[in-house]
Amino acid sequence: MTPEPQTPDPAKRSNPAAKTPKAVKVLVRNLTKSFGSLLVLDNLNFVVYAGELLCLVGPTGCGKTTFLNCLTGFLPLTAGEILVDGQKASFKKGDLGFVFQESSTIPWLTVYDNVAFGLKIKKTPPEVIKERVERILTVVGLNPFKDLYPRELSASLDQRVALAREFATQPNLLLMDEPYGQLDIKLRYYLEDELRRIQEREGTTVAFVTHNIEEAVYLADRILVLTQKPATIKEEVIVTLPRPRRFDDPSFVAIRDQVTAAIQWW
């Protein structure tokens, strides 16, 4: 696929993966981020569509995590803007969820209370908390473990708790920064499938950072390939393979090879 040029107004682009244009959930316009004299993100322009699972891949250290931190508002932008539903993105609005690579469960809370934590912070009515937490625990298969503490859980169960906590708050946008990077292959495959099931059921928009190209092709509706820093968008890859996807499918392999070739910078 020929790399797509960055456009001055990405909000005016239609979704090439859909028959009809989808609503734009996130608009990234002229995003630039520097740390002193170090330019990390260089004039990025793209959109994330509502209900889409977008994967960002690129060389190590190119600025993928920096982008997520800009999107949350944790880091100020050097230039440009990021809008969620037409408004400036900010974690203070409570409309963003974040799942980290490292464990982020609260050790002194049970599984149930971990999942309920974000809802309590948002002052959600108790009856809504109960209904929503019980439903999410059922969806992710955590009901048998709801009274346990994180120290009593396996790595995969612990990460499921973090995922359930974010889905329980029903964020407008879920950000995931290599959340399965430290898990073995079997557990990663299981949680990838779980993510897709929950994401499709809840209609959540997801921006997912990964170094694993197969993971990106397996999960994504669309993949953005970033260059070495200062990072720009090198290529956009639309993934229209039917689900469930097979790693040995020749079409899957072809997309994997395409993304691999785009990432190579040596």
C-alpha atoms as a PDB file:
ATOM      1  CA  MET A   1       0.000   0.000   0.000  1.00  0.00           C
ATOM      2  CA  THR A   2       1.286   3.433  -0.883  1.00  0.00           C
ATOM      3  CA  PRO A   3       1.846   5.559   2.264  1.00  0.00           C
ATOM      4  CA  GLU A   4      -1.000   7.995   2.739  1.00  0.00           C
ATOM      5  CA  PRO A   5       0.051  11.644   2.972  1.00  0.00           C
ATOM      6  CA  GLN A   6      -0.866  13.503   6.117  1.00  0.00           C
ATOM      7  CA  THR A   7      -3.791  15.760   5.367  1.00  0.00           C
ATOM      8  CA  PRO A   8      -4.352  19.259   6.733  1.00  0.00           C
ATOM      9  CA  ASP A   9      -7.825  18.356   8.001  1.00  0.00           C
ATOM     10  CA  PRO A  10      -8.194  14.644   8.820  1.00  0.00           C
ATOM     11  CA  ALA A  11     -11.749  15.131  10.025  1.00  0.00           C
ATOM     12  CA  LYS A  12     -12.850  15.538   6.415  1.00  0.00           C
ATOM     13  CA  ARG A  13     -11.630  12.081   5.444  1.00  0.00           C
ATOM     14  CA  SER A  14     -14.079   9.207   5.153  1.00  0.00           C
ATOM     15  CA  ASN A  15     -13.360   5.819   6.634  1.00  0.00           C
ATOM     16  CA  PRO A  16     -11.955   3.718   3.765  1.00  0.00           C
ATOM     17  CA  ALA A  17     -12.830   0.511   5.617  1.00  0.00           C
ATOM     18  CA  ALA A  18     -16.529   1.272   5.701  1.00  0.00           C
ATOM     19  CA  LYS A  19     -19.232   1.557   3.072  1.00  0.00           C
ATOM     20  CA  THR A  20     -20.524   4.711   4.749  1.00  0.00           C
ATOM     21  CA  PRO A  21     -18.481   7.238   6.748  1.00  0.00           C
ATOM     22  CA  LYS A  22     -18.310   6.663  10.508  1.00  0.00           C
ATOM     23  CA  ALA A  23     -18.428   9.324  13.171  1.00  0.00           C
ATOM     24  CA  VAL A  24     -15.047  10.681  14.206  1.00  0.00           C
ATOM     25  CA  LYS A  25     -14.367   9.963  17.889  1.00  0.00           C
ATOM     26  CA  VAL A  26     -10.838  11.400  18.058  1.00  0.00           C
ATOM     27  CA  LEU A  27      -9.395  14.107  15.862  1.00  0.00           C
ATOM     28  CA  VAL A  28      -5.622  14.586  15.906  1.00  0.00           C
ATOM     29  CA  ARG A  29      -4.602  17.718  14.057  1.00  0.00           C
ATOM     30  CA  ASN A  30      -1.017  18.955  13.566  1.00  0.00           C
ATOM     31  CA  LEU A  31       0.105  17.198  16.763  1.00  0.00           C
ATOM     32  CA  THR A  32       3.692  18.057  17.651  1.00  0.00           C
ATOM     33  CA  LYS A  33       5.500  17.148  20.863  1.00  0.00           C
ATOM     34  CA  SER A  34       9.029  18.108  21.852  1.00  0.00           C
ATOM     35  CA  PHE A  35      11.025  17.598  25.011  1.00  0.00           C
ATOM     36  CA  GLY A  36      13.419  20.527  24.930  1.00  0.00           C
ATOM     37  CA  SER A  37      15.344  20.239  21.675  1.00  0.00           C
ATOM     38  CA  LEU A  38      14.215  16.626  21.126  1.00  0.00           C
ATOM     39  CA  LEU A  39      11.353  16.467  18.623  1.00  0.00           C
ATOM     40  CA  VAL A  40       9.372  13.272  19.269  1.00  0.00           C
ATOM     41  CA  LEU A  41       6.062  13.691  17.401  1.00  0.00           C
ATOM     42  CA  ASP A  42       6.153  15.741  14.214  1.00  0.00           C
ATOM     43  CA  ASN A  43       2.883  17.187  12.925  1.00  0.00           C
ATOM     44  CA  LEU A  44       0.662  14.096  13.175  1.00  0.00           C
ATOM     45  CA  ASN A  45      -2.757  14.211  11.522  1.00  0.00           C
ATOM     46  CA  PHE A  46      -5.274  11.365  11.748  1.00  0.00           C
ATOM     47  CA  VAL A  47      -8.622  10.329  13.166  1.00  0.00           C
ATOM     48  CA  VAL A  48      -9.958   7.478  15.269  1.00  0.00           C
ATOM     49  CA  TYR A  49     -13.482   6.435  14.340  1.00  0.00           C
ATOM     50  CA  ALA A  50     -16.233   5.687  16.839  1.00  0.00           C
ATOM     51  CA  GLY A  51     -16.288   2.005  17.779  1.00  0.00           C
ATOM     52  CA  GLU A  52     -12.976   1.350  16.038  1.00  0.00           C
ATOM     53  CA  LEU A  53     -10.008  -0.576  17.379  1.00  0.00           C
ATOM     54  CA  LEU A  54      -6.973   1.309  16.085  1.00  0.00           C
ATOM     55  CA  CYS A  55      -3.476  -0.104  16.583  1.00  0.00           C
ATOM     56  CA  LEU A  56      -0.350   2.042  16.576  1.00  0.00           C
ATOM     57  CA  VAL A  57       2.917   0.317  15.748  1.00  0.00           C
ATOM     58  CA  GLY A  58       6.412   1.548  15.045  1.00  0.00           C
ATOM     59  CA  PRO A  59      10.071   1.204  16.002  1.00  0.00           C
ATOM     60  CA  THR A  60      10.978   1.109  19.684  1.00  0.00           C
ATOM     61  CA  GLY A  61      11.216   4.602  21.127  1.00  0.00           C
ATOM     62  CA  CYS A  62       9.400   6.320  18.268  1.00  0.00           C
ATOM     63  CA  GLY A  63       6.855   8.030  20.515  1.00  0.00           C
ATOM     64  CA  LYS A  64       3.811   5.729  20.664  1.00  0.00           C
ATOM     65  CA  THR A  65       3.476   5.990  24.441  1.00  0.00           C
ATOM     66  CA  THR A  66       4.159   9.717  24.266  1.00  0.00           C
ATOM     67  CA  PHE A  67       1.159  10.030  21.956  1.00  0.00           C
ATOM     68  CA  LEU A  68      -1.099   8.201  24.424  1.00  0.00           C
ATOM     69  CA  ASN A  69       0.101  10.456  27.234  1.00  0.00           C
ATOM     70  CA  CYS A  70      -0.663  13.509  25.094  1.00  0.00           C
ATOM     71  CA  LEU A  71      -4.113  12.105  24.382  1.00  0.00           C
ATOM     72  CA  THR A  72      -4.907  11.780  28.078  1.00  0.00           C
ATOM     73  CA  GLY A  73      -3.666  15.272  28.820  1.00  0.00           C
ATOM     74  CA  PHE A  74      -0.857  13.952  31.037  1.00  0.00           C
ATOM     75  CA  LEU A  75       1.594  15.719  28.718  1.00  0.00           C
ATOM     76  CA  PRO A  76       1.044  19.205  27.264  1.00  0.00           C
ATOM     77  CA  LEU A  77       1.216  19.520  23.489  1.00  0.00           C
ATOM     78  CA  THR A  78       3.954  21.557  21.886  1.00  0.00           C
ATOM     79  CA  ALA A  79       1.639  22.355  18.981  1.00  0.00           C
ATOM     80  CA  GLY A  80      -1.611  21.138  17.453  1.00  0.00           C
ATOM     81  CA  GLU A  81      -4.697  19.727  19.119  1.00  0.00           C
ATOM     82  CA  ILE A  82      -6.431  16.489  20.081  1.00  0.00           C
ATOM     83  CA  LEU A  83     -10.215  16.509  20.265  1.00  0.00           C
ATOM     84  CA  VAL A  84     -12.491  13.776  21.636  1.00  0.00           C
ATOM     85  CA  ASP A  85     -16.082  14.201  20.473  1.00  0.00           C
ATOM     86  CA  GLY A  86     -15.165  17.709  19.409  1.00  0.00           C
ATOM     87  CA  GLN A  87     -13.766  18.747  22.801  1.00  0.00           C
ATOM     88  CA  LYS A  88     -10.228  18.966  24.113  1.00  0.00           C
ATOM     89  CA  ALA A  89      -9.120  15.587  25.425  1.00  0.00           C
ATOM     90  CA  SER A  90      -8.545  15.455  29.174  1.00  0.00           C
ATOM     91  CA  PHE A  91      -8.465  12.728  31.806  1.00  0.00           C
ATOM     92  CA  LYS A  92     -10.200  15.204  34.156  1.00  0.00           C
ATOM     93  CA  LYS A  93     -13.439  14.743  32.227  1.00  0.00           C
ATOM     94  CA  GLY A  94     -13.575  11.081  33.165  1.00  0.00           C
ATOM     95  CA  ASP A  95     -14.202  10.012  29.583  1.00  0.00           C
ATOM     96  CA  LEU A  96     -10.890   8.208  29.070  1.00  0.00           C
ATOM     97  CA  GLY A  97      -9.745   4.784  30.238  1.00  0.00           C
ATOM     98  CA  PHE A  98      -6.130   3.621  30.340  1.00  0.00           C
ATOM     99  CA  VAL A  99      -4.787   0.055  30.616  1.00  0.00           C
ATOM    100  CA  PHE A 100      -1.040  -0.081  31.235  1.00  0.00           C
ATOM    101  CA  GLN A 101       1.551  -2.737  30.495  1.00  0.00           C
ATOM    102  CA  GLU A 102       2.385  -3.012  34.190  1.00  0.00           C
ATOM    103  CA  SER A 103      -0.068  -4.174  36.819  1.00  0.00           C
ATOM    104  CA  SER A 104      -2.350  -1.332  37.881  1.00  0.00           C
ATOM    105  CA  THR A 105      -4.723  -3.091  40.231  1.00  0.00           C
ATOM    106  CA  ILE A 106      -5.011  -1.685  43.751  1.00  0.00           C
ATOM    107  CA  PRO A 107      -3.473  -4.303  46.083  1.00  0.00           C
ATOM    108  CA  TRP A 108      -5.638  -3.612  49.144  1.00  0.00           C
ATOM    109  CA  LEU A 109      -8.926  -3.890  47.238  1.00  0.00           C
ATOM    110  CA  THR A 110     -10.699  -7.073  46.218  1.00  0.00           C
ATOM    111  CA  VAL A 111     -11.396  -7.852  42.577  1.00  0.00           C
ATOM    112  CA  TYR A 112     -14.948  -6.547  42.996  1.00  0.00           C
ATOM    113  CA  ASP A 113     -13.804  -3.311  44.625  1.00  0.00           C
ATOM    114  CA  ASN A 114     -11.061  -2.816  42.041  1.00  0.00           C
ATOM    115  CA  VAL A 115     -13.625  -3.005  39.254  1.00  0.00           C
ATOM    116  CA  ALA A 116     -15.972  -0.689  41.150  1.00  0.00           C
ATOM    117  CA  PHE A 117     -13.237   1.828  42.002  1.00  0.00           C
ATOM    118  CA  GLY A 118     -13.574   4.098  38.968  1.00  0.00           C
ATOM    119  CA  LEU A 119     -17.348   4.162  39.268  1.00  0.00           C
ATOM    120  CA  LYS A 120     -17.121   5.221  42.906  1.00  0.00           C
ATOM    121  CA  ILE A 121     -14.674   7.997  41.988  1.00  0.00           C
ATOM    122  CA  LYS A 122     -17.237   9.221  39.446  1.00  0.00           C
ATOM    123  CA  LYS A 123     -19.914   9.159  42.184  1.00  0.00           C
ATOM    124  CA  THR A 124     -22.037   6.675  40.277  1.00  0.00           C
ATOM    125  CA  PRO A 125     -25.230   5.654  42.162  1.00  0.00           C
ATOM    126  CA  PRO A 126     -24.702   2.449  44.201  1.00  0.00           C
ATOM    127  CA  GLU A 127     -27.383   0.495  42.347  1.00  0.00           C
ATOM    128  CA  VAL A 128     -25.725   1.339  39.009  1.00  0.00           C
ATOM    129  CA  ILE A 129     -22.325   0.310  40.361  1.00  0.00           C
ATOM    130  CA  LYS A 130     -23.691  -3.043  41.486  1.00  0.00           C
ATOM    131  CA  GLU A 131     -25.392  -3.762  38.168  1.00  0.00           C
ATOM    132  CA  ARG A 132     -22.477  -2.677  36.022  1.00  0.00           C
ATOM    133  CA  VAL A 133     -19.739  -4.394  38.045  1.00  0.00           C
ATOM    134  CA  GLU A 134     -21.633  -7.677  38.202  1.00  0.00           C
ATOM    135  CA  ARG A 135     -22.258  -7.576  34.455  1.00  0.00           C
ATOM    136  CA  ILE A 136     -18.612  -6.853  33.596  1.00  0.00           C
ATOM    137  CA  LEU A 137     -17.356  -9.510  36.015  1.00  0.00           C
ATOM    138  CA  THR A 138     -19.577 -12.021  34.239  1.00  0.00           C
ATOM    139  CA  VAL A 139     -18.407 -10.912  30.795  1.00  0.00           C
ATOM    140  CA  VAL A 140     -14.709 -11.322  31.655  1.00  0.00           C
ATOM    141  CA  GLY A 141     -15.187 -14.482  33.735  1.00  0.00           C
ATOM    142  CA  LEU A 142     -14.107 -12.966  37.057  1.00  0.00           C
ATOM    143  CA  ASN A 143     -17.176 -13.756  39.158  1.00  0.00           C
ATOM    144  CA  PRO A 144     -15.532 -16.764  40.872  1.00  0.00           C
ATOM    145  CA  PHE A 145     -12.645 -14.503  41.935  1.00  0.00           C
ATOM    146  CA  LYS A 146     -14.513 -11.353  42.953  1.00  0.00           C
ATOM    147  CA  ASP A 147     -13.610 -11.644  46.656  1.00  0.00           C
ATOM    148  CA  LEU A 148      -9.907 -12.294  46.068  1.00  0.00           C
ATOM    149  CA  TYR A 149      -7.080  -9.750  46.253  1.00  0.00           C
ATOM    150  CA  PRO A 150      -4.612  -9.046  43.426  1.00  0.00           C
ATOM    151  CA  ARG A 151      -1.814 -10.934  45.210  1.00  0.00           C
ATOM    152  CA  GLU A 152      -3.952 -14.078  44.955  1.00  0.00           C
ATOM    153  CA  LEU A 153      -4.401 -13.801  41.178  1.00  0.00           C
ATOM    154  CA  SER A 154      -2.385 -14.980  38.212  1.00  0.00           C
ATOM    155  CA  ALA A 155      -0.944 -12.401  35.812  1.00  0.00           C
ATOM    156  CA  SER A 156      -3.735 -12.958  33.302  1.00  0.00           C
ATOM    157  CA  LEU A 157      -6.472 -12.601  35.922  1.00  0.00           C
ATOM    158  CA  ASP A 158      -4.835  -9.455  37.278  1.00  0.00           C
ATOM    159  CA  GLN A 159      -4.800  -7.911  33.805  1.00  0.00           C
ATOM    160  CA  ARG A 160      -8.418  -8.928  33.309  1.00  0.00           C
ATOM    161  CA  VAL A 161      -9.297  -6.991  36.463  1.00  0.00           C
ATOM    162  CA  ALA A 162      -7.613  -3.874  35.041  1.00  0.00           C
ATOM    163  CA  LEU A 163      -9.464  -4.311  31.768  1.00  0.00           C
ATOM    164  CA  ALA A 164     -12.799  -4.867  33.547  1.00  0.00           C
ATOM    165  CA  ARG A 165     -12.262  -1.764  35.689  1.00  0.00           C
ATOM    166  CA  GLU A 166     -11.885   0.411  32.604  1.00  0.00           C
ATOM    167  CA  PHE A 167     -14.826  -1.109  30.738  1.00  0.00           C
ATOM    168  CA  ALA A 168     -17.034  -0.709  33.820  1.00  0.00           C
ATOM    169  CA  THR A 169     -16.656   3.072  33.646  1.00  0.00           C
ATOM    170  CA  GLN A 170     -17.824   2.988  30.002  1.00  0.00           C
ATOM    171  CA  PRO A 171     -15.108   5.339  28.739  1.00  0.00           C
ATOM    172  CA  ASN A 172     -15.553   7.232  25.497  1.00  0.00           C
ATOM    173  CA  LEU A 173     -12.069   6.127  24.590  1.00  0.00           C
ATOM    174  CA  LEU A 174      -9.958   3.258  25.925  1.00  0.00           C
ATOM    175  CA  LEU A 175      -6.177   3.598  25.630  1.00  0.00           C
ATOM    176  CA  MET A 176      -4.015   0.493  25.908  1.00  0.00           C
ATOM    177  CA  ASP A 177      -0.224   0.682  26.116  1.00  0.00           C
ATOM    178  CA  GLU A 178       1.180  -2.792  25.385  1.00  0.00           C
ATOM    179  CA  PRO A 179      -1.111  -4.285  28.013  1.00  0.00           C
ATOM    180  CA  TYR A 180      -0.187  -7.897  27.194  1.00  0.00           C
ATOM    181  CA  GLY A 181       3.524  -7.408  26.599  1.00  0.00           C
ATOM    182  CA  GLN A 182       4.620  -9.289  29.717  1.00  0.00           C
ATOM    183  CA  LEU A 183       2.293 -12.253  29.308  1.00  0.00           C
ATOM    184  CA  ASP A 184       3.047 -15.577  27.668  1.00  0.00           C
ATOM    185  CA  ILE A 185       1.615 -16.348  24.248  1.00  0.00           C
ATOM    186  CA  LYS A 186      -1.322 -18.463  25.429  1.00  0.00           C
ATOM    187  CA  LEU A 187      -2.502 -15.847  27.921  1.00  0.00           C
ATOM    188  CA  ARG A 188      -2.013 -13.034  25.420  1.00  0.00           C
ATOM    189  CA  TYR A 189      -4.152 -14.795  22.801  1.00  0.00           C
ATOM    190  CA  TYR A 190      -6.891 -15.365  25.360  1.00  0.00           C
ATOM    191  CA  LEU A 191      -6.962 -11.729  26.482  1.00  0.00           C
ATOM    192  CA  GLU A 192      -6.831 -10.458  22.900  1.00  0.00           C
ATOM    193  CA  ASP A 193      -9.987 -12.427  22.160  1.00  0.00           C
ATOM    194  CA  GLU A 194     -11.525 -11.155  25.378  1.00  0.00           C
ATOM    195  CA  LEU A 195     -10.747  -7.561  24.448  1.00  0.00           C
ATOM    196  CA  ARG A 196     -12.450  -7.935  21.072  1.00  0.00           C
ATOM    197  CA  ARG A 197     -15.521  -9.535  22.602  1.00  0.00           C
ATOM    198  CA  ILE A 198     -15.951  -6.799  25.204  1.00  0.00           C
ATOM    199  CA  GLN A 199     -15.072  -4.003  22.790  1.00  0.00           C
ATOM    200  CA  GLU A 200     -17.626  -5.158  20.240  1.00  0.00           C
ATOM    201  CA  ARG A 201     -20.292  -5.713  22.887  1.00  0.00           C
ATOM    202  CA  GLU A 202     -19.772  -2.309  24.529  1.00  0.00           C
ATOM    203  CA  GLY A 203     -19.050  -0.389  21.309  1.00  0.00           C
ATOM    204  CA  THR A 204     -15.926   1.120  22.854  1.00  0.00           C
ATOM    205  CA  THR A 205     -13.377   3.038  20.796  1.00  0.00           C
ATOM    206  CA  VAL A 206      -9.872   1.673  21.447  1.00  0.00           C
ATOM    207  CA  ALA A 207      -6.396   3.008  20.680  1.00  0.00           C
ATOM    208  CA  PHE A 208      -3.950   0.142  21.211  1.00  0.00           C
ATOM    209  CA  VAL A 209      -0.157   0.491  21.206  1.00  0.00           C
ATOM    210  CA  THR A 210       1.870  -2.652  20.542  1.00  0.00           C
ATOM    211  CA  HIS A 211       5.259  -3.813  19.311  1.00  0.00           C
ATOM    212  CA  ASN A 212       3.740  -7.142  18.273  1.00  0.00           C
ATOM    213  CA  ILE A 213       2.808  -6.957  14.596  1.00  0.00           C
ATOM    214  CA  GLU A 214       0.755 -10.156  14.647  1.00  0.00           C
ATOM    215  CA  GLU A 215      -1.183  -8.791  17.592  1.00  0.00           C
ATOM    216  CA  ALA A 216      -1.928  -5.613  15.636  1.00  0.00           C
ATOM    217  CA  VAL A 217      -3.168  -7.508  12.583  1.00  0.00           C
ATOM    218  CA  TYR A 218      -5.216  -9.860  14.757  1.00  0.00           C
ATOM    219  CA  LEU A 219      -6.959  -7.083  16.709  1.00  0.00           C
ATOM    220  CA  ALA A 220      -7.138  -4.000  14.539  1.00  0.00           C
ATOM    221  CA  ASP A 221      -9.696  -2.523  12.228  1.00  0.00           C
ATOM    222  CA  ARG A 222      -6.931  -0.162  11.136  1.00  0.00           C
ATOM    223  CA  ILE A 223      -3.182   0.102  11.784  1.00  0.00           C
ATOM    224  CA  LEU A 224      -1.080   3.255  11.790  1.00  0.00           C
ATOM    225  CA  VAL A 225       2.648   2.727  11.286  1.00  0.00           C
ATOM    226  CA  LEU A 226       4.865   5.427  12.797  1.00  0.00           C
ATOM    227  CA  THR A 227       8.390   6.262  11.669  1.00  0.00           C
ATOM    228  CA  GLN A 228      11.434   6.643  13.862  1.00  0.00           C
ATOM    229  CA  LYS A 229      11.362   9.892  15.796  1.00  0.00           C
ATOM    230  CA  PRO A 230      10.646  12.549  15.026  1.00  0.00           C
ATOM    231  CA  ALA A 231       7.608  10.354  14.359  1.00  0.00           C
ATOM    232  CA  THR A 232       5.268  10.880  11.445  1.00  0.00           C
ATOM    233  CA  ILE A 233       2.682   8.519  10.002  1.00  0.00           C
ATOM    234  CA  LYS A 234       4.459   6.340   7.476  1.00  0.00           C
ATOM    235  CA  GLU A 235       1.549   4.155   6.438  1.00  0.00           C
ATOM    236  CA  GLU A 236      -2.094   3.414   7.163  1.00  0.00           C
ATOM    237  CA  VAL A 237      -3.193  -0.207   6.795  1.00  0.00           C
ATOM    238  CA  ILE A 238      -6.872  -1.113   6.660  1.00  0.00           C
ATOM    239  CA  VAL A 239      -7.571  -4.608   8.019  1.00  0.00           C
ATOM    240  CA  THR A 240     -10.835  -6.041   6.679  1.00  0.00           C
ATOM    241  CA  LEU A 241     -10.140  -9.719   7.342  1.00  0.00           C
ATOM    242  CA  PRO A 242     -13.153 -11.639   8.668  1.00  0.00           C
ATOM    243  CA  ARG A 243     -13.228 -12.722  12.306  1.00  0.00           C
ATOM    244  CA  PRO A 244     -12.118 -14.894  13.902  1.00  0.00           C
ATOM    245  CA  ARG A 245      -8.778 -14.288  12.202  1.00  0.00           C
ATOM    246  CA  ARG A 246      -6.263 -17.025  11.523  1.00  0.00           C
ATOM    247  CA  PHE A 247      -2.534 -16.484  11.777  1.00  0.00           C
ATOM    248  CA  ASP A 248      -1.930 -18.953   8.946  1.00  0.00           C
ATOM    249  CA  ASP A 249      -4.376 -17.255   6.592  1.00  0.00           C
ATOM    250  CA  PRO A 250      -2.375 -16.094   3.524  1.00  0.00           C
ATOM    251  CA  SER A 251      -4.158 -12.727   3.656  1.00  0.00           C
ATOM    252  CA  PHE A 252      -3.210 -12.359   7.338  1.00  0.00           C
ATOM    253  CA  VAL A 253       0.421 -13.171   6.510  1.00  0.00           C
ATOM    254  CA  ALA A 254       0.414 -10.667   3.651  1.00  0.00           C
ATOM    255  CA  ILE A 255      -0.779  -7.833   5.913  1.00  0.00           C
ATOM    256  CA  ARG A 256       1.715  -8.838   8.602  1.00  0.00           C
ATOM    257  CA  ASP A 257       4.534  -8.699   6.050  1.00  0.00           C
ATOM    258  CA  GLN A 258       3.302  -5.344   4.763  1.00  0.00           C
ATOM    259  CA  VAL A 259       3.352  -3.830   8.262  1.00  0.00           C
ATOM    260  CA  THR A 260       6.736  -5.401   9.015  1.00  0.00           C
ATOM    261  CA  ALA A 261       8.222  -3.888   5.863  1.00  0.00           C
ATOM    262  CA  ALA A 262       6.788  -0.485   6.753  1.00  0.00           C
ATOM    263  CA  ILE A 263       8.285  -0.550  10.257  1.00  0.00           C
ATOM    264  CA  GLN A 264      11.800  -1.499   9.116  1.00  0.00           C
ATOM    265  CA  TRP A 265      13.973   1.595   9.143  1.00  0.00           C
ATOM    266  CA  TRP A 266      17.456   0.059   8.790  1.00  0.00           C
END
